[in-house]
Full PDB file with SEQRES, HELIX, SHEET, SSBOND, CRYST1, ORIGX, SCALE, CONECT and MASTER records, all heavy atoms in Angstrom:
SEQRES   1 A   41  ILE LEU ASP THR SER ARG SER GLY ALA LEU ILE VAL ASP          
SEQRES   2 A   41  PRO THR GLY LYS GLN ASP ARG LEU LEU ILE ALA SER GLY          
SEQRES   3 A   41  GLY GLY THR SER VAL ALA SER ALA VAL GLU GLN VAL VAL          
SEQRES   4 A   41  GLN GLN                                                      
HELIX    1 AA1 SER A   25  GLY A   27  5                                   3    
HELIX    2 AA2 THR A   29  GLN A   40  1                                  12    
SHEET    1 AA1 2 GLY A   8  ILE A  11  0                                        
SHEET    2 AA1 2 ARG A  20  ILE A  23 -1                                        
CRYST1    1.000    1.000    1.000  90.00  90.00  90.00 P 1           1          
ORIGX1      1.000000  0.000000  0.000000        0.00000                         
ORIGX2      0.000000  1.000000  0.000000        0.00000                         
ORIGX3      0.000000  0.000000  1.000000        0.00000                         
SCALE1      1.000000  0.000000  0.000000        0.00000                         
SCALE2      0.000000  1.000000  0.000000        0.00000                         
SCALE3      0.000000  0.000000  1.000000        0.00000                         
ATOM      1  N   ILE A   1     192.874 146.348  41.778  1.00  0.00           N  
ATOM      2  CA  ILE A   1     193.287 147.719  41.469  1.00  0.00           C  
ATOM      3  C   ILE A   1     194.365 147.707  40.383  1.00  0.00           C  
ATOM      4  O   ILE A   1     194.337 148.504  39.447  1.00  0.00           O  
ATOM      5  CB  ILE A   1     193.793 148.433  42.740  1.00  0.00           C  
ATOM      6  CG1 ILE A   1     192.632 148.648  43.713  1.00  0.00           C  
ATOM      7  CG2 ILE A   1     194.436 149.773  42.390  1.00  0.00           C  
ATOM      8  CD1 ILE A   1     193.056 149.239  45.044  1.00  0.00           C  
ATOM      9  N   LEU A   2     195.307 146.792  40.503  1.00  0.00           N  
ATOM     10  CA  LEU A   2     196.400 146.727  39.537  1.00  0.00           C  
ATOM     11  C   LEU A   2     195.936 146.283  38.155  1.00  0.00           C  
ATOM     12  O   LEU A   2     196.549 146.643  37.149  1.00  0.00           O  
ATOM     13  CB  LEU A   2     197.497 145.782  40.049  1.00  0.00           C  
ATOM     14  CG  LEU A   2     198.227 146.246  41.318  1.00  0.00           C  
ATOM     15  CD1 LEU A   2     199.227 145.183  41.769  1.00  0.00           C  
ATOM     16  CD2 LEU A   2     198.938 147.578  41.089  1.00  0.00           C  
ATOM     17  N   ASP A   3     194.853 145.493  38.087  1.00  0.00           N  
ATOM     18  CA  ASP A   3     194.353 145.102  36.765  1.00  0.00           C  
ATOM     19  C   ASP A   3     193.256 146.051  36.270  1.00  0.00           C  
ATOM     20  O   ASP A   3     192.597 145.779  35.268  1.00  0.00           O  
ATOM     21  CB  ASP A   3     193.870 143.648  36.758  1.00  0.00           C  
ATOM     22  CG  ASP A   3     192.622 143.411  37.595  1.00  0.00           C  
ATOM     23  OD1 ASP A   3     191.910 144.379  37.932  1.00  0.00           O  
ATOM     24  OD2 ASP A   3     192.352 142.231  37.921  1.00  0.00           O  
ATOM     25  N   THR A   4     193.083 147.161  36.984  1.00  0.00           N  
ATOM     26  CA  THR A   4     192.176 148.277  36.648  1.00  0.00           C  
ATOM     27  C   THR A   4     190.688 147.923  36.696  1.00  0.00           C  
ATOM     28  O   THR A   4     189.861 148.706  36.250  1.00  0.00           O  
ATOM     29  CB  THR A   4     192.499 148.872  35.265  1.00  0.00           C  
ATOM     30  OG1 THR A   4     192.120 147.954  34.230  1.00  0.00           O  
ATOM     31  CG2 THR A   4     193.976 149.233  35.145  1.00  0.00           C  
ATOM     32  N   SER A   5     190.350 146.762  37.236  1.00  0.00           N  
ATOM     33  CA  SER A   5     188.927 146.432  37.347  1.00  0.00           C  
ATOM     34  C   SER A   5     188.268 147.148  38.524  1.00  0.00           C  
ATOM     35  O   SER A   5     187.043 147.217  38.599  1.00  0.00           O  
ATOM     36  CB  SER A   5     188.735 144.921  37.473  1.00  0.00           C  
ATOM     37  OG  SER A   5     189.330 144.429  38.661  1.00  0.00           O  
ATOM     38  N   ARG A   6     189.070 147.664  39.450  1.00  0.00           N  
ATOM     39  CA  ARG A   6     188.563 148.472  40.570  1.00  0.00           C  
ATOM     40  C   ARG A   6     189.399 149.737  40.680  1.00  0.00           C  
ATOM     41  O   ARG A   6     190.600 149.730  40.421  1.00  0.00           O  
ATOM     42  CB  ARG A   6     188.626 147.706  41.903  1.00  0.00           C  
ATOM     43  CG  ARG A   6     187.895 146.384  41.927  1.00  0.00           C  
ATOM     44  CD  ARG A   6     186.388 146.542  41.820  1.00  0.00           C  
ATOM     45  NE  ARG A   6     185.725 145.251  41.951  1.00  0.00           N  
ATOM     46  CZ  ARG A   6     185.546 144.389  40.964  1.00  0.00           C  
ATOM     47  NH1 ARG A   6     186.011 144.667  39.742  1.00  0.00           N  
ATOM     48  NH2 ARG A   6     184.917 143.238  41.169  1.00  0.00           N  
ATOM     49  N   SER A   7     188.745 150.822  41.076  1.00  0.00           N  
ATOM     50  CA  SER A   7     189.450 152.095  41.244  1.00  0.00           C  
ATOM     51  C   SER A   7     189.877 152.344  42.675  1.00  0.00           C  
ATOM     52  O   SER A   7     190.574 153.327  42.955  1.00  0.00           O  
ATOM     53  CB  SER A   7     188.561 153.258  40.774  1.00  0.00           C  
ATOM     54  OG  SER A   7     188.287 153.151  39.399  1.00  0.00           O  
ATOM     55  N   GLY A   8     189.461 151.489  43.591  1.00  0.00           N  
ATOM     56  CA  GLY A   8     189.832 151.630  44.991  1.00  0.00           C  
ATOM     57  C   GLY A   8     189.395 150.410  45.773  1.00  0.00           C  
ATOM     58  O   GLY A   8     188.694 149.538  45.252  1.00  0.00           O  
ATOM     59  N   ALA A   9     189.828 150.358  47.019  1.00  0.00           N  
ATOM     60  CA  ALA A   9     189.435 149.238  47.890  1.00  0.00           C  
ATOM     61  C   ALA A   9     189.400 149.717  49.332  1.00  0.00           C  
ATOM     62  O   ALA A   9     190.341 150.366  49.804  1.00  0.00           O  
ATOM     63  CB  ALA A   9     190.412 148.077  47.737  1.00  0.00           C  
ATOM     64  N   LEU A  10     188.313 149.412  50.020  1.00  0.00           N  
ATOM     65  CA  LEU A  10     188.164 149.750  51.427  1.00  0.00           C  
ATOM     66  C   LEU A  10     188.436 148.508  52.277  1.00  0.00           C  
ATOM     67  O   LEU A  10     187.765 147.488  52.106  1.00  0.00           O  
ATOM     68  CB  LEU A  10     186.750 150.275  51.703  1.00  0.00           C  
ATOM     69  CG  LEU A  10     186.425 150.637  53.162  1.00  0.00           C  
ATOM     70  CD1 LEU A  10     187.347 151.734  53.679  1.00  0.00           C  
ATOM     71  CD2 LEU A  10     184.951 151.043  53.290  1.00  0.00           C  
ATOM     72  N   ILE A  11     189.442 148.607  53.139  1.00  0.00           N  
ATOM     73  CA  ILE A  11     189.823 147.494  54.011  1.00  0.00           C  
ATOM     74  C   ILE A  11     189.332 147.816  55.418  1.00  0.00           C  
ATOM     75  O   ILE A  11     189.841 148.733  56.076  1.00  0.00           O  
ATOM     76  CB  ILE A  11     191.354 147.293  54.022  1.00  0.00           C  
ATOM     77  CG1 ILE A  11     191.930 147.356  52.595  1.00  0.00           C  
ATOM     78  CG2 ILE A  11     191.700 145.998  54.716  1.00  0.00           C  
ATOM     79  CD1 ILE A  11     191.411 146.305  51.654  1.00  0.00           C  
ATOM     80  N   VAL A  12     188.327 147.092  55.865  1.00  0.00           N  
ATOM     81  CA  VAL A  12     187.705 147.367  57.168  1.00  0.00           C  
ATOM     82  C   VAL A  12     188.470 146.648  58.282  1.00  0.00           C  
ATOM     83  O   VAL A  12     188.782 145.462  58.173  1.00  0.00           O  
ATOM     84  CB  VAL A  12     186.231 146.914  57.166  1.00  0.00           C  
ATOM     85  CG1 VAL A  12     185.606 147.097  58.557  1.00  0.00           C  
ATOM     86  CG2 VAL A  12     185.443 147.689  56.118  1.00  0.00           C  
ATOM     87  N   ASP A  13     188.768 147.394  59.335  1.00  0.00           N  
ATOM     88  CA  ASP A  13     189.430 146.835  60.517  1.00  0.00           C  
ATOM     89  C   ASP A  13     188.366 146.421  61.526  1.00  0.00           C  
ATOM     90  O   ASP A  13     187.701 147.275  62.121  1.00  0.00           O  
ATOM     91  CB  ASP A  13     190.361 147.886  61.124  1.00  0.00           C  
ATOM     92  CG  ASP A  13     191.137 147.341  62.321  1.00  0.00           C  
ATOM     93  OD1 ASP A  13     190.920 146.165  62.696  1.00  0.00           O  
ATOM     94  OD2 ASP A  13     191.938 148.106  62.896  1.00  0.00           O  
ATOM     95  N   PRO A  14     188.187 145.128  61.768  1.00  0.00           N  
ATOM     96  CA  PRO A  14     187.123 144.693  62.680  1.00  0.00           C  
ATOM     97  C   PRO A  14     187.434 144.963  64.147  1.00  0.00           C  
ATOM     98  O   PRO A  14     186.536 144.883  64.989  1.00  0.00           O  
ATOM     99  CB  PRO A  14     187.030 143.183  62.412  1.00  0.00           C  
ATOM    100  CG  PRO A  14     188.389 142.806  61.931  1.00  0.00           C  
ATOM    101  CD  PRO A  14     188.908 143.981  61.181  1.00  0.00           C  
ATOM    102  N   THR A  15     188.670 145.305  64.463  1.00  0.00           N  
ATOM    103  CA  THR A  15     189.054 145.491  65.868  1.00  0.00           C  
ATOM    104  C   THR A  15     189.216 146.947  66.272  1.00  0.00           C  
ATOM    105  O   THR A  15     189.477 147.242  67.436  1.00  0.00           O  
ATOM    106  CB  THR A  15     190.386 144.768  66.139  1.00  0.00           C  
ATOM    107  OG1 THR A  15     191.422 145.348  65.348  1.00  0.00           O  
ATOM    108  CG2 THR A  15     190.260 143.278  65.812  1.00  0.00           C  
ATOM    109  N   GLY A  16     189.114 147.864  65.329  1.00  0.00           N  
ATOM    110  CA  GLY A  16     189.330 149.272  65.658  1.00  0.00           C  
ATOM    111  C   GLY A  16     188.352 150.178  64.935  1.00  0.00           C  
ATOM    112  O   GLY A  16     187.405 149.734  64.286  1.00  0.00           O  
ATOM    113  N   LYS A  17     188.629 151.481  65.018  1.00  0.00           N  
ATOM    114  CA  LYS A  17     187.750 152.492  64.430  1.00  0.00           C  
ATOM    115  C   LYS A  17     188.345 153.125  63.172  1.00  0.00           C  
ATOM    116  O   LYS A  17     187.741 154.023  62.600  1.00  0.00           O  
ATOM    117  CB  LYS A  17     187.473 153.600  65.461  1.00  0.00           C  
ATOM    118  CG  LYS A  17     186.548 153.192  66.592  1.00  0.00           C  
ATOM    119  CD  LYS A  17     185.106 153.079  66.089  1.00  0.00           C  
ATOM    120  CE  LYS A  17     184.134 152.857  67.237  1.00  0.00           C  
ATOM    121  NZ  LYS A  17     182.734 152.826  66.748  1.00  0.00           N  
ATOM    122  N   GLN A  18     189.539 152.685  62.798  1.00  0.00           N  
ATOM    123  CA  GLN A  18     190.163 153.255  61.598  1.00  0.00           C  
ATOM    124  C   GLN A  18     190.335 152.183  60.529  1.00  0.00           C  
ATOM    125  O   GLN A  18     190.945 151.143  60.774  1.00  0.00           O  
ATOM    126  CB  GLN A  18     191.522 153.882  61.923  1.00  0.00           C  
ATOM    127  CG  GLN A  18     192.129 154.594  60.708  1.00  0.00           C  
ATOM    128  CD  GLN A  18     193.441 155.273  61.013  1.00  0.00           C  
ATOM    129  OE1 GLN A  18     194.424 154.601  61.341  1.00  0.00           O  
ATOM    130  NE2 GLN A  18     193.470 156.600  60.926  1.00  0.00           N  
ATOM    131  N   ASP A  19     189.770 152.454  59.365  1.00  0.00           N  
ATOM    132  CA  ASP A  19     189.898 151.552  58.228  1.00  0.00           C  
ATOM    133  C   ASP A  19     190.948 152.101  57.265  1.00  0.00           C  
ATOM    134  O   ASP A  19     191.488 153.185  57.462  1.00  0.00           O  
ATOM    135  CB  ASP A  19     188.550 151.406  57.516  1.00  0.00           C  
ATOM    136  CG  ASP A  19     187.477 150.871  58.459  1.00  0.00           C  
ATOM    137  OD1 ASP A  19     187.813 150.015  59.307  1.00  0.00           O  
ATOM    138  OD2 ASP A  19     186.311 151.307  58.347  1.00  0.00           O  
ATOM    139  N   ARG A  20     191.214 151.361  56.206  1.00  0.00           N  
ATOM    140  CA  ARG A  20     192.185 151.788  55.204  1.00  0.00           C  
ATOM    141  C   ARG A  20     191.528 151.815  53.822  1.00  0.00           C  
ATOM    142  O   ARG A  20     190.737 150.939  53.489  1.00  0.00           O  
ATOM    143  CB  ARG A  20     193.397 150.855  55.183  1.00  0.00           C  
ATOM    144  CG  ARG A  20     194.296 151.001  56.417  1.00  0.00           C  
ATOM    145  CD  ARG A  20     195.531 150.121  56.325  1.00  0.00           C  
ATOM    146  NE  ARG A  20     195.184 148.707  56.253  1.00  0.00           N  
ATOM    147  CZ  ARG A  20     195.605 147.869  55.318  1.00  0.00           C  
ATOM    148  NH1 ARG A  20     196.373 148.313  54.328  1.00  0.00           N  
ATOM    149  NH2 ARG A  20     195.244 146.606  55.348  1.00  0.00           N  
ATOM    150  N   LEU A  21     191.899 152.826  53.061  1.00  0.00           N  
ATOM    151  CA  LEU A  21     191.386 152.955  51.695  1.00  0.00           C  
ATOM    152  C   LEU A  21     192.556 152.912  50.731  1.00  0.00           C  
ATOM    153  O   LEU A  21     193.481 153.716  50.833  1.00  0.00           O  
ATOM    154  CB  LEU A  21     190.617 154.273  51.519  1.00  0.00           C  
ATOM    155  CG  LEU A  21     190.126 154.566  50.092  1.00  0.00           C  
ATOM    156  CD1 LEU A  21     189.083 153.544  49.647  1.00  0.00           C  
ATOM    157  CD2 LEU A  21     189.565 155.987  49.992  1.00  0.00           C  
ATOM    158  N   LEU A  22     192.515 151.980  49.798  1.00  0.00           N  
ATOM    159  CA  LEU A  22     193.532 151.877  48.762  1.00  0.00           C  
ATOM    160  C   LEU A  22     193.019 152.577  47.504  1.00  0.00           C  
ATOM    161  O   LEU A  22     191.895 152.324  47.062  1.00  0.00           O  
ATOM    162  CB  LEU A  22     193.833 150.414  48.443  1.00  0.00           C  
ATOM    163  CG  LEU A  22     194.122 149.483  49.624  1.00  0.00           C  
ATOM    164  CD1 LEU A  22     194.412 148.068  49.122  1.00  0.00           C  
ATOM    165  CD2 LEU A  22     195.263 150.020  50.475  1.00  0.00           C  
ATOM    166  N   ILE A  23     193.836 153.477  46.943  1.00  0.00           N  
ATOM    167  CA  ILE A  23     193.466 154.176  45.709  1.00  0.00           C  
ATOM    168  C   ILE A  23     194.598 154.037  44.700  1.00  0.00           C  
ATOM    169  O   ILE A  23     195.674 153.524  45.026  1.00  0.00           O  
ATOM    170  CB  ILE A  23     193.168 155.670  45.966  1.00  0.00           C  
ATOM    171  CG1 ILE A  23     194.408 156.358  46.545  1.00  0.00           C  
ATOM    172  CG2 ILE A  23     191.968 155.841  46.882  1.00  0.00           C  
ATOM    173  CD1 ILE A  23     194.288 157.871  46.616  1.00  0.00           C  
ATOM    174  N   ALA A  24     194.368 154.509  43.478  1.00  0.00           N  
ATOM    175  CA  ALA A  24     195.389 154.454  42.431  1.00  0.00           C  
ATOM    176  C   ALA A  24     195.349 155.764  41.657  1.00  0.00           C  
ATOM    177  O   ALA A  24     194.601 155.897  40.684  1.00  0.00           O  
ATOM    178  CB  ALA A  24     195.147 153.271  41.502  1.00  0.00           C  
ATOM    179  N   SER A  25     196.133 156.741  42.077  1.00  0.00           N  
ATOM    180  CA  SER A  25     196.116 158.039  41.400  1.00  0.00           C  
ATOM    181  C   SER A  25     196.656 157.934  39.981  1.00  0.00           C  
ATOM    182  O   SER A  25     196.337 158.764  39.126  1.00  0.00           O  
ATOM    183  CB  SER A  25     196.927 159.061  42.201  1.00  0.00           C  
ATOM    184  OG  SER A  25     198.265 158.631  42.372  1.00  0.00           O  
ATOM    185  N   GLY A  26     197.455 156.897  39.698  1.00  0.00           N  
ATOM    186  CA  GLY A  26     197.927 156.696  38.336  1.00  0.00           C  
ATOM    187  C   GLY A  26     196.810 156.423  37.357  1.00  0.00           C  
ATOM    188  O   GLY A  26     196.950 156.661  36.154  1.00  0.00           O  
ATOM    189  N   GLY A  27     195.687 155.936  37.846  1.00  0.00           N  
ATOM    190  CA  GLY A  27     194.535 155.695  36.991  1.00  0.00           C  
ATOM    191  C   GLY A  27     193.672 156.918  36.780  1.00  0.00           C  
ATOM    192  O   GLY A  27     192.687 156.857  36.056  1.00  0.00           O  
ATOM    193  N   GLY A  28     194.038 158.024  37.425  1.00  0.00           N  
ATOM    194  CA  GLY A  28     193.269 159.263  37.302  1.00  0.00           C  
ATOM    195  C   GLY A  28     193.083 159.918  38.651  1.00  0.00           C  
ATOM    196  O   GLY A  28     192.471 159.329  39.548  1.00  0.00           O  
ATOM    197  N   THR A  29     193.597 161.118  38.803  1.00  0.00           N  
ATOM    198  CA  THR A  29     193.536 161.771  40.109  1.00  0.00           C  
ATOM    199  C   THR A  29     192.114 162.171  40.490  1.00  0.00           C  
ATOM    200  O   THR A  29     191.772 162.159  41.667  1.00  0.00           O  
ATOM    201  CB  THR A  29     194.426 163.019  40.120  1.00  0.00           C  
ATOM    202  OG1 THR A  29     194.039 163.900  39.050  1.00  0.00           O  
ATOM    203  CG2 THR A  29     195.892 162.646  39.944  1.00  0.00           C  
ATOM    204  N   SER A  30     191.285 162.517  39.517  1.00  0.00           N  
ATOM    205  CA  SER A  30     189.921 162.928  39.863  1.00  0.00           C  
ATOM    206  C   SER A  30     189.116 161.745  40.382  1.00  0.00           C  
ATOM    207  O   SER A  30     188.316 161.885  41.319  1.00  0.00           O  
ATOM    208  CB  SER A  30     189.224 163.553  38.651  1.00  0.00           C  
ATOM    209  OG  SER A  30     189.083 162.625  37.602  1.00  0.00           O  
ATOM    210  N   VAL A  31     189.336 160.557  39.807  1.00  0.00           N  
ATOM    211  CA  VAL A  31     188.648 159.362  40.300  1.00  0.00           C  
ATOM    212  C   VAL A  31     189.131 159.006  41.694  1.00  0.00           C  
ATOM    213  O   VAL A  31     188.335 158.709  42.592  1.00  0.00           O  
ATOM    214  CB  VAL A  31     188.879 158.177  39.334  1.00  0.00           C  
ATOM    215  CG1 VAL A  31     188.458 156.867  39.988  1.00  0.00           C  
ATOM    216  CG2 VAL A  31     188.087 158.379  38.058  1.00  0.00           C  
ATOM    217  N   ALA A  32     190.455 159.045  41.907  1.00  0.00           N  
ATOM    218  CA  ALA A  32     191.006 158.722  43.219  1.00  0.00           C  
ATOM    219  C   ALA A  32     190.480 159.689  44.279  1.00  0.00           C  
ATOM    220  O   ALA A  32     190.103 159.275  45.383  1.00  0.00           O  
ATOM    221  CB  ALA A  32     192.533 158.770  43.164  1.00  0.00           C  
ATOM    222  N   SER A  33     190.428 160.976  43.946  1.00  0.00           N  
ATOM    223  CA  SER A  33     189.925 161.972  44.896  1.00  0.00           C  
ATOM    224  C   SER A  33     188.446 161.768  45.176  1.00  0.00           C  
ATOM    225  O   SER A  33     187.996 161.925  46.320  1.00  0.00           O  
ATOM    226  CB  SER A  33     190.157 163.382  44.339  1.00  0.00           C  
ATOM    227  OG  SER A  33     191.532 163.648  44.188  1.00  0.00           O  
ATOM    228  N   ALA A  34     187.684 161.420  44.147  1.00  0.00           N  
ATOM    229  CA  ALA A  34     186.247 161.204  44.347  1.00  0.00           C  
ATOM    230  C   ALA A  34     185.997 160.012  45.252  1.00  0.00           C  
ATOM    231  O   ALA A  34     185.155 160.064  46.155  1.00  0.00           O  
ATOM    232  CB  ALA A  34     185.568 160.994  42.989  1.00  0.00           C  
ATOM    233  N   VAL A  35     186.711 158.912  45.038  1.00  0.00           N  
ATOM    234  CA  VAL A  35     186.566 157.733  45.897  1.00  0.00           C  
ATOM    235  C   VAL A  35     186.933 158.084  47.334  1.00  0.00           C  
ATOM    236  O   VAL A  35     186.222 157.714  48.286  1.00  0.00           O  
ATOM    237  CB  VAL A  35     187.440 156.573  45.376  1.00  0.00           C  
ATOM    238  CG1 VAL A  35     187.469 155.427  46.389  1.00  0.00           C  
ATOM    239  CG2 VAL A  35     186.918 156.080  44.035  1.00  0.00           C  
ATOM    240  N   GLU A  36     188.024 158.788  47.489  1.00  0.00           N  
ATOM    241  CA  GLU A  36     188.462 159.172  48.831  1.00  0.00           C  
ATOM    242  C   GLU A  36     187.409 160.026  49.533  1.00  0.00           C  
ATOM    243  O   GLU A  36     187.082 159.801  50.708  1.00  0.00           O  
ATOM    244  CB  GLU A  36     189.779 159.939  48.730  1.00  0.00           C  
ATOM    245  CG  GLU A  36     190.377 160.328  50.068  1.00  0.00           C  
ATOM    246  CD  GLU A  36     191.718 161.018  49.910  1.00  0.00           C  
ATOM    247  OE1 GLU A  36     192.318 160.949  48.817  1.00  0.00           O  
ATOM    248  OE2 GLU A  36     192.171 161.652  50.895  1.00  0.00           O  
ATOM    249  N   GLN A  37     186.848 160.987  48.837  1.00  0.00           N  
ATOM    250  CA  GLN A  37     185.860 161.878  49.443  1.00  0.00           C  
ATOM    251  C   GLN A  37     184.591 161.123  49.828  1.00  0.00           C  
ATOM    252  O   GLN A  37     184.052 161.296  50.932  1.00  0.00           O  
ATOM    253  CB  GLN A  37     185.524 163.006  48.471  1.00  0.00           C  
ATOM    254  CG  GLN A  37     184.540 164.031  49.037  1.00  0.00           C  
ATOM    255  CD  GLN A  37     184.278 165.163  48.060  1.00  0.00           C  
ATOM    256  OE1 GLN A  37     184.829 165.180  46.957  1.00  0.00           O  
ATOM    257  NE2 GLN A  37     183.450 166.097  48.441  1.00  0.00           N  
ATOM    258  N   VAL A  38     184.115 160.272  48.928  1.00  0.00           N  
ATOM    259  CA  VAL A  38     182.875 159.529  49.202  1.00  0.00           C  
ATOM    260  C   VAL A  38     183.064 158.592  50.396  1.00  0.00           C  
ATOM    261  O   VAL A  38     182.216 158.527  51.301  1.00  0.00           O  
ATOM    262  CB  VAL A  38     182.437 158.736  47.960  1.00  0.00           C  
ATOM    263  CG1 VAL A  38     181.305 157.774  48.303  1.00  0.00           C  
ATOM    264  CG2 VAL A  38     181.999 159.687  46.854  1.00  0.00           C  
ATOM    265  N   VAL A  39     184.176 157.870  50.414  1.00  0.00           N  
ATOM    266  CA  VAL A  39     184.416 156.918  51.501  1.00  0.00           C  
ATOM    267  C   VAL A  39     184.621 157.644  52.828  1.00  0.00           C  
ATOM    268  O   VAL A  39     184.114 157.199  53.870  1.00  0.00           O  
ATOM    269  CB  VAL A  39     185.624 156.021  51.159  1.00  0.00           C  
ATOM    270  CG1 VAL A  39     186.026 155.180  52.366  1.00  0.00           C  
ATOM    271  CG2 VAL A  39     185.294 155.118  49.973  1.00  0.00           C  
ATOM    272  N   GLN A  40     185.328 158.746  52.813  1.00  0.00           N  
ATOM    273  CA  GLN A  40     185.530 159.497  54.051  1.00  0.00           C  
ATOM    274  C   GLN A  40     184.206 159.986  54.628  1.00  0.00           C  
ATOM    275  O   GLN A  40     183.989 159.935  55.848  1.00  0.00           O  
ATOM    276  CB  GLN A  40     186.475 160.668  53.807  1.00  0.00           C  
ATOM    277  CG  GLN A  40     187.935 160.271  53.689  1.00  0.00           C  
ATOM    278  CD  GLN A  40     188.838 161.441  53.406  1.00  0.00           C  
ATOM    279  OE1 GLN A  40     188.397 162.493  52.934  1.00  0.00           O  
ATOM    280  NE2 GLN A  40     190.126 161.289  53.685  1.00  0.00           N  
ATOM    281  N   GLN A  41     183.323 160.452  53.782  1.00  0.00           N  
ATOM    282  CA  GLN A  41     182.013 160.902  54.258  1.00  0.00           C  
ATOM    283  C   GLN A  41     181.208 159.735  54.812  1.00  0.00           C  
ATOM    284  O   GLN A  41     180.542 159.871  55.856  1.00  0.00           O  
ATOM    285  CB  GLN A  41     181.251 161.592  53.129  1.00  0.00           C  
ATOM    286  CG  GLN A  41     181.842 162.930  52.711  1.00  0.00           C  
ATOM    287  CD  GLN A  41     181.121 163.548  51.528  1.00  0.00           C  
ATOM    288  OE1 GLN A  41     180.275 162.906  50.889  1.00  0.00           O  
ATOM    289  NE2 GLN A  41     181.449 164.791  51.217  1.00  0.00           N  
TER     290      GLN A  41                                                      
MASTER        0    0    0    2    2    0    0    6  289    1    0    4          
END                                                                             
């Protein structure tokens, strides 16, 4: 994410039902929002 080769990262928790999504709004808020929406769905 920091080298801009990815716009987000999904970290899956193998022991629970809640995962984590890393985004970078500094790279563009519309991209960050789109990734968040797609992953949440």
